[in-house]
């Protein structure tokens, strides 16, 4: 697939500099940047899901402990 990307001058200069430093084609650098960006978003989503799971597990444990205390009261 072919895609056209319009860059402002500062971003174009950064891309040109990267081609010289990394000895890569512009298209390779752009593909790498998209992969990097996508992986960061995926990792961010994973971290948020793990955090939600941990919060749920903590809340469940607290609820379980509270119910356990009630069961020990003879109710």
PDB file of N, CA and C in Angstrom:
ATOM      1  N   UNK A   1       0.842  -1.175   0.000  1.00  0.00           N
ATOM      2  CA  UNK A   1       0.000   0.000   0.000  1.00  0.00           C
ATOM      3  C   UNK A   1       0.889   1.239   0.000  1.00  0.00           C
ATOM      4  N   UNK A   2       0.508   2.194  -0.731  1.00  0.00           N
ATOM      5  CA  UNK A   2       1.241   3.455  -0.793  1.00  0.00           C
ATOM      6  C   UNK A   2       0.447   4.518  -0.064  1.00  0.00           C
ATOM      7  N   UNK A   3       1.155   5.310   0.763  1.00  0.00           N
ATOM      8  CA  UNK A   3       0.522   6.375   1.526  1.00  0.00           C
ATOM      9  C   UNK A   3       1.335   7.649   1.324  1.00  0.00           C
ATOM     10  N   UNK A   4       0.632   8.750   1.203  1.00  0.00           N
ATOM     11  CA  UNK A   4       1.300  10.044   1.109  1.00  0.00           C
ATOM     12  C   UNK A   4       1.181  10.744   2.447  1.00  0.00           C
ATOM     13  N   UNK A   5       2.294  11.250   2.951  1.00  0.00           N
ATOM     14  CA  UNK A   5       2.301  11.939   4.237  1.00  0.00           C
ATOM     15  C   UNK A   5       2.844  13.340   4.017  1.00  0.00           C
ATOM     16  N   UNK A   6       2.114  14.314   4.513  1.00  0.00           N
ATOM     17  CA  UNK A   6       2.582  15.698   4.422  1.00  0.00           C
ATOM     18  C   UNK A   6       3.237  16.072   5.754  1.00  0.00           C
ATOM     19  N   UNK A   7       4.434  16.596   5.674  1.00  0.00           N
ATOM     20  CA  UNK A   7       5.182  16.977   6.868  1.00  0.00           C
ATOM     21  C   UNK A   7       5.462  18.467   6.838  1.00  0.00           C
ATOM     22  N   UNK A   8       5.401  19.090   8.022  1.00  0.00           N
ATOM     23  CA  UNK A   8       5.833  20.483   8.072  1.00  0.00           C
ATOM     24  C   UNK A   8       7.365  20.489   8.018  1.00  0.00           C
ATOM     25  N   UNK A   9       7.940  21.655   7.827  1.00  0.00           N
ATOM     26  CA  UNK A   9       9.381  21.751   7.608  1.00  0.00           C
ATOM     27  C   UNK A   9      10.215  21.192   8.766  1.00  0.00           C
ATOM     28  N   UNK A  10       9.876  21.525  10.030  1.00  0.00           N
ATOM     29  CA  UNK A  10      10.693  20.965  11.134  1.00  0.00           C
ATOM     30  C   UNK A  10      10.660  19.439  11.177  1.00  0.00           C
ATOM     31  N   UNK A  11       9.504  18.856  10.940  1.00  0.00           N
ATOM     32  CA  UNK A  11       9.402  17.401  10.966  1.00  0.00           C
ATOM     33  C   UNK A  11      10.131  16.779   9.770  1.00  0.00           C
ATOM     34  N   UNK A  12      10.073  17.443   8.647  1.00  0.00           N
ATOM     35  CA  UNK A  12      10.804  16.964   7.465  1.00  0.00           C
ATOM     36  C   UNK A  12      12.309  16.967   7.724  1.00  0.00           C
ATOM     37  N   UNK A  13      12.796  18.013   8.386  1.00  0.00           N
ATOM     38  CA  UNK A  13      14.228  18.089   8.706  1.00  0.00           C
ATOM     39  C   UNK A  13      14.629  16.968   9.669  1.00  0.00           C
ATOM     40  N   UNK A  14      13.745  16.671  10.639  1.00  0.00           N
ATOM     41  CA  UNK A  14      14.026  15.576  11.570  1.00  0.00           C
ATOM     42  C   UNK A  14      14.100  14.252  10.820  1.00  0.00           C
ATOM     43  N   UNK A  15      13.191  14.050   9.902  1.00  0.00           N
ATOM     44  CA  UNK A  15      13.190  12.816   9.115  1.00  0.00           C
ATOM     45  C   UNK A  15      14.460  12.721   8.277  1.00  0.00           C
ATOM     46  N   UNK A  16      14.859  13.792   7.651  1.00  0.00           N
ATOM     47  CA  UNK A  16      16.090  13.803   6.865  1.00  0.00           C
ATOM     48  C   UNK A  16      17.302  13.475   7.742  1.00  0.00           C
ATOM     49  N   UNK A  17      17.338  14.056   8.931  1.00  0.00           N
ATOM     50  CA  UNK A  17      18.444  13.803   9.854  1.00  0.00           C
ATOM     51  C   UNK A  17      18.467  12.327  10.255  1.00  0.00           C
ATOM     52  N   UNK A  18      17.303  11.777  10.548  1.00  0.00           N
ATOM     53  CA  UNK A  18      17.230  10.361  10.912  1.00  0.00           C
ATOM     54  C   UNK A  18      17.704   9.452   9.781  1.00  0.00           C
ATOM     55  N   UNK A  19      17.396   9.806   8.544  1.00  0.00           N
ATOM     56  CA  UNK A  19      17.846   8.970   7.420  1.00  0.00           C
ATOM     57  C   UNK A  19      19.370   8.929   7.358  1.00  0.00           C
ATOM     58  N   UNK A  20      19.993  10.058   7.667  1.00  0.00           N
ATOM     59  CA  UNK A  20      21.452  10.114   7.622  1.00  0.00           C
ATOM     60  C   UNK A  20      22.088   9.386   8.803  1.00  0.00           C
ATOM     61  N   UNK A  21      21.496   9.581   9.986  1.00  0.00           N
ATOM     62  CA  UNK A  21      22.055   8.957  11.190  1.00  0.00           C
ATOM     63  C   UNK A  21      21.886   7.442  11.155  1.00  0.00           C
ATOM     64  N   UNK A  22      20.697   7.003  10.783  1.00  0.00           N
ATOM     65  CA  UNK A  22      20.376   5.576  10.840  1.00  0.00           C
ATOM     66  C   UNK A  22      20.685   4.815   9.549  1.00  0.00           C
ATOM     67  N   UNK A  23      21.013   5.558   8.499  1.00  0.00           N
ATOM     68  CA  UNK A  23      21.273   4.951   7.192  1.00  0.00           C
ATOM     69  C   UNK A  23      20.085   4.097   6.742  1.00  0.00           C
ATOM     70  N   UNK A  24      18.904   4.695   6.874  1.00  0.00           N
ATOM     71  CA  UNK A  24      17.667   4.015   6.480  1.00  0.00           C
ATOM     72  C   UNK A  24      16.894   4.908   5.524  1.00  0.00           C
ATOM     73  N   UNK A  25      16.003   4.277   4.790  1.00  0.00           N
ATOM     74  CA  UNK A  25      15.112   5.029   3.909  1.00  0.00           C
ATOM     75  C   UNK A  25      14.039   5.712   4.743  1.00  0.00           C
ATOM     76  N   UNK A  26      13.490   6.790   4.215  1.00  0.00           N
ATOM     77  CA  UNK A  26      12.417   7.507   4.903  1.00  0.00           C
ATOM     78  C   UNK A  26      11.255   6.572   5.211  1.00  0.00           C
ATOM     79  N   UNK A  27      10.885   5.758   4.253  1.00  0.00           N
ATOM     80  CA  UNK A  27       9.749   4.857   4.444  1.00  0.00           C
ATOM     81  C   UNK A  27      10.014   3.864   5.570  1.00  0.00           C
ATOM     82  N   UNK A  28      11.262   3.403   5.703  1.00  0.00           N
ATOM     83  CA  UNK A  28      11.611   2.477   6.786  1.00  0.00           C
ATOM     84  C   UNK A  28      11.480   3.164   8.147  1.00  0.00           C
ATOM     85  N   UNK A  29      11.930   4.392   8.230  1.00  0.00           N
ATOM     86  CA  UNK A  29      11.845   5.148   9.485  1.00  0.00           C
ATOM     87  C   UNK A  29      10.387   5.391   9.854  1.00  0.00           C
ATOM     88  N   UNK A  30       9.574   5.737   8.880  1.00  0.00           N
ATOM     89  CA  UNK A  30       8.145   5.973   9.133  1.00  0.00           C
ATOM     90  C   UNK A  30       7.467   4.685   9.587  1.00  0.00           C
ATOM     91  N   UNK A  31       7.785   3.556   8.953  1.00  0.00           N
ATOM     92  CA  UNK A  31       7.224   2.271   9.383  1.00  0.00           C
ATOM     93  C   UNK A  31       7.648   1.943  10.808  1.00  0.00           C
ATOM     94  N   UNK A  32       8.929   2.155  11.108  1.00  0.00           N
ATOM     95  CA  UNK A  32       9.426   1.904  12.463  1.00  0.00           C
ATOM     96  C   UNK A  32       8.704   2.785  13.484  1.00  0.00           C
ATOM     97  N   UNK A  33       8.473   4.033  13.123  1.00  0.00           N
ATOM     98  CA  UNK A  33       7.795   4.963  14.027  1.00  0.00           C
ATOM     99  C   UNK A  33       6.360   4.514  14.294  1.00  0.00           C
ATOM    100  N   UNK A  34       5.673   4.039  13.275  1.00  0.00           N
ATOM    101  CA  UNK A  34       4.301   3.557  13.446  1.00  0.00           C
ATOM    102  C   UNK A  34       4.289   2.326  14.334  1.00  0.00           C
ATOM    103  N   UNK A  35       5.219   1.400  14.115  1.00  0.00           N
ATOM    104  CA  UNK A  35       5.315   0.201  14.954  1.00  0.00           C
ATOM    105  C   UNK A  35       5.587   0.581  16.413  1.00  0.00           C
ATOM    106  N   UNK A  36       6.503   1.505  16.625  1.00  0.00           N
ATOM    107  CA  UNK A  36       6.845   1.962  17.968  1.00  0.00           C
ATOM    108  C   UNK A  36       5.636   2.580  18.653  1.00  0.00           C
ATOM    109  N   UNK A  37       4.928   3.434  17.941  1.00  0.00           N
ATOM    110  CA  UNK A  37       3.739   4.115  18.467  1.00  0.00           C
ATOM    111  C   UNK A  37       2.654   3.101  18.808  1.00  0.00           C
ATOM    112  N   UNK A  38       2.402   2.164  17.913  1.00  0.00           N
ATOM    113  CA  UNK A  38       1.378   1.140  18.135  1.00  0.00           C
ATOM    114  C   UNK A  38       1.725   0.278  19.341  1.00  0.00           C
ATOM    115  N   UNK A  39       2.990  -0.097  19.486  1.00  0.00           N
ATOM    116  CA  UNK A  39       3.418  -0.933  20.611  1.00  0.00           C
ATOM    117  C   UNK A  39       3.246  -0.173  21.927  1.00  0.00           C
ATOM    118  N   UNK A  40       3.558   1.119  21.935  1.00  0.00           N
ATOM    119  CA  UNK A  40       3.384   1.918  23.147  1.00  0.00           C
ATOM    120  C   UNK A  40       1.923   2.005  23.550  1.00  0.00           C
ATOM    121  N   UNK A  41       1.039   2.157  22.586  1.00  0.00           N
ATOM    122  CA  UNK A  41      -0.396   2.207  22.888  1.00  0.00           C
ATOM    123  C   UNK A  41      -0.850   0.863  23.435  1.00  0.00           C
ATOM    124  N   UNK A  42      -0.410  -0.223  22.821  1.00  0.00           N
ATOM    125  CA  UNK A  42      -0.772  -1.566  23.278  1.00  0.00           C
ATOM    126  C   UNK A  42      -0.283  -1.793  24.709  1.00  0.00           C
ATOM    127  N   UNK A  43       0.954  -1.413  24.990  1.00  0.00           N
ATOM    128  CA  UNK A  43       1.505  -1.571  26.339  1.00  0.00           C
ATOM    129  C   UNK A  43       0.749  -0.720  27.351  1.00  0.00           C
ATOM    130  N   UNK A  44       0.341   0.472  26.951  1.00  0.00           N
ATOM    131  CA  UNK A  44      -0.426   1.347  27.827  1.00  0.00           C
ATOM    132  C   UNK A  44      -1.771   0.709  28.165  1.00  0.00           C
ATOM    133  N   UNK A  45      -2.424   0.132  27.168  1.00  0.00           N
ATOM    134  CA  UNK A  45      -3.705  -0.539  27.405  1.00  0.00           C
ATOM    135  C   UNK A  45      -3.514  -1.729  28.344  1.00  0.00           C
ATOM    136  N   UNK A  46      -2.459  -2.488  28.147  1.00  0.00           N
ATOM    137  CA  UNK A  46      -2.185  -3.636  29.012  1.00  0.00           C
ATOM    138  C   UNK A  46      -1.966  -3.181  30.453  1.00  0.00           C
ATOM    139  N   UNK A  47      -1.204  -2.103  30.646  1.00  0.00           N
ATOM    140  CA  UNK A  47      -0.957  -1.594  31.992  1.00  0.00           C
ATOM    141  C   UNK A  47      -2.255  -1.157  32.662  1.00  0.00           C
ATOM    142  N   UNK A  48      -3.134  -0.488  31.892  1.00  0.00           N
ATOM    143  CA  UNK A  48      -4.410  -0.044  32.455  1.00  0.00           C
ATOM    144  C   UNK A  48      -5.295  -1.230  32.816  1.00  0.00           C
ATOM    145  N   UNK A  49      -5.302  -2.268  31.976  1.00  0.00           N
ATOM    146  CA  UNK A  49      -6.109  -3.452  32.274  1.00  0.00           C
ATOM    147  C   UNK A  49      -5.572  -4.167  33.514  1.00  0.00           C
ATOM    148  N   UNK A  50      -4.248  -4.315  33.617  1.00  0.00           N
ATOM    149  CA  UNK A  50      -3.658  -4.951  34.793  1.00  0.00           C
ATOM    150  C   UNK A  50      -3.965  -4.165  36.065  1.00  0.00           C
ATOM    151  N   UNK A  51      -3.925  -2.867  35.968  1.00  0.00           N
ATOM    152  CA  UNK A  51      -4.255  -2.028  37.119  1.00  0.00           C
ATOM    153  C   UNK A  51      -5.705  -2.239  37.536  1.00  0.00           C
ATOM    154  N   UNK A  52      -6.606  -2.318  36.559  1.00  0.00           N
ATOM    155  CA  UNK A  52      -8.018  -2.545  36.867  1.00  0.00           C
ATOM    156  C   UNK A  52      -8.217  -3.908  37.517  1.00  0.00           C
ATOM    157  N   UNK A  53      -7.518  -4.918  37.020  1.00  0.00           N
ATOM    158  CA  UNK A  53      -7.617  -6.258  37.599  1.00  0.00           C
ATOM    159  C   UNK A  53      -7.110  -6.247  39.035  1.00  0.00           C
ATOM    160  N   UNK A  54      -5.991  -5.579  39.280  1.00  0.00           N
ATOM    161  CA  UNK A  54      -5.440  -5.509  40.633  1.00  0.00           C
ATOM    162  C   UNK A  54      -6.400  -4.798  41.583  1.00  0.00           C
ATOM    163  N   UNK A  55      -7.019  -3.705  41.126  1.00  0.00           N
ATOM    164  CA  UNK A  55      -7.973  -2.976  41.964  1.00  0.00           C
ATOM    165  C   UNK A  55      -9.181  -3.851  42.283  1.00  0.00           C
ATOM    166  N   UNK A  56      -9.647  -4.597  41.276  1.00  0.00           N
ATOM    167  CA  UNK A  56     -10.789  -5.487  41.483  1.00  0.00           C
ATOM    168  C   UNK A  56     -10.432  -6.596  42.459  1.00  0.00           C
ATOM    169  N   UNK A  57      -9.257  -7.173  42.319  1.00  0.00           N
ATOM    170  CA  UNK A  57      -8.823  -8.243  43.219  1.00  0.00           C
ATOM    171  C   UNK A  57      -8.722  -7.721  44.650  1.00  0.00           C
ATOM    172  N   UNK A  58      -8.205  -6.525  44.814  1.00  0.00           N
ATOM    173  CA  UNK A  58      -8.095  -5.926  46.149  1.00  0.00           C
ATOM    174  C   UNK A  58      -9.476  -5.695  46.751  1.00  0.00           C
ATOM    175  N   UNK A  59     -10.383  -5.143  45.960  1.00  0.00           N
ATOM    176  CA  UNK A  59     -11.745  -4.907  46.442  1.00  0.00           C
ATOM    177  C   UNK A  59     -12.440  -6.224  46.776  1.00  0.00           C
ATOM    178  N   UNK A  60     -12.250  -7.239  45.950  1.00  0.00           N
ATOM    179  CA  UNK A  60     -12.836  -8.558  46.219  1.00  0.00           C
ATOM    180  C   UNK A  60     -12.295  -9.142  47.516  1.00  0.00           C
ATOM    181  N   UNK A  61     -10.995  -8.999  47.754  1.00  0.00           N
ATOM    182  CA  UNK A  61     -10.391  -9.524  48.984  1.00  0.00           C
ATOM    183  C   UNK A  61     -10.960  -8.807  50.191  1.00  0.00           C
ATOM    184  N   UNK A  62     -11.105  -7.504  50.089  1.00  0.00           N
ATOM    185  CA  UNK A  62     -11.663  -6.737  51.207  1.00  0.00           C
ATOM    186  C   UNK A  62     -13.099  -7.181  51.488  1.00  0.00           C
ATOM    187  N   UNK A  63     -13.876  -7.366  50.451  1.00  0.00           N
ATOM    188  CA  UNK A  63     -15.265  -7.821  50.599  1.00  0.00           C
ATOM    189  C   UNK A  63     -15.308  -9.221  51.200  1.00  0.00           C
ATOM    190  N   UNK A  64     -14.440 -10.089  50.731  1.00  0.00           N
ATOM    191  CA  UNK A  64     -14.374 -11.459  51.235  1.00  0.00           C
ATOM    192  C   UNK A  64     -13.983 -11.466  52.714  1.00  0.00           C
ATOM    193  N   UNK A  65     -12.998 -10.641  53.064  1.00  0.00           N
ATOM    194  CA  UNK A  65     -12.573 -10.556  54.458  1.00  0.00           C
ATOM    195  C   UNK A  65     -13.719 -10.043  55.339  1.00  0.00           C
ATOM    196  N   UNK A  66     -14.452  -9.068  54.843  1.00  0.00           N
ATOM    197  CA  UNK A  66     -15.580  -8.520  55.602  1.00  0.00           C
ATOM    198  C   UNK A  66     -16.668  -9.577  55.778  1.00  0.00           C
ATOM    199  N   UNK A  67     -16.955 -10.319  54.738  1.00  0.00           N
ATOM    200  CA  UNK A  67     -17.962 -11.382  54.834  1.00  0.00           C
ATOM    201  C   UNK A  67     -17.485 -12.501  55.741  1.00  0.00           C
ATOM    202  N   UNK A  68     -16.215 -12.823  55.694  1.00  0.00           N
ATOM    203  CA  UNK A  68     -15.652 -13.854  56.559  1.00  0.00           C
ATOM    204  C   UNK A  68     -15.783 -13.474  58.021  1.00  0.00           C
ATOM    205  N   UNK A  69     -15.568 -12.217  58.309  1.00  0.00           N
ATOM    206  CA  UNK A  69     -15.729 -11.736  59.679  1.00  0.00           C
ATOM    207  C   UNK A  69     -17.170 -11.846  60.125  1.00  0.00           C
ATOM    208  N   UNK A  70     -18.092 -11.558  59.236  1.00  0.00           N
ATOM    209  CA  UNK A  70     -19.511 -11.655  59.552  1.00  0.00           C
ATOM    210  C   UNK A  70     -19.895 -13.117  59.790  1.00  0.00           C
ATOM    211  N   UNK A  71     -19.373 -14.033  58.967  1.00  0.00           N
ATOM    212  CA  UNK A  71     -19.689 -15.458  59.136  1.00  0.00           C
ATOM    213  C   UNK A  71     -19.163 -15.962  60.463  1.00  0.00           C
ATOM    214  N   UNK A  72     -18.051 -15.452  60.893  1.00  0.00           N
ATOM    215  CA  UNK A  72     -17.487 -15.862  62.188  1.00  0.00           C
ATOM    216  C   UNK A  72     -18.284 -15.306  63.370  1.00  0.00           C
ATOM    217  N   UNK A  73     -19.107 -14.299  63.111  1.00  0.00           N
ATOM    218  CA  UNK A  73     -19.941 -13.730  64.185  1.00  0.00           C
ATOM    219  C   UNK A  73     -21.157 -14.601  64.461  1.00  0.00           C
ATOM    220  N   UNK A  74     -21.336 -15.661  63.700  1.00  0.00           N
ATOM    221  CA  UNK A  74     -22.461 -16.551  63.935  1.00  0.00           C
ATOM    222  C   UNK A  74     -23.708 -16.175  63.171  1.00  0.00           C
ATOM    223  N   UNK A  75     -23.603 -15.277  62.200  1.00  0.00           N
ATOM    224  CA  UNK A  75     -24.788 -14.886  61.420  1.00  0.00           C
ATOM    225  C   UNK A  75     -25.055 -15.827  60.299  1.00  0.00           C
TER     226      UNK A  75
END
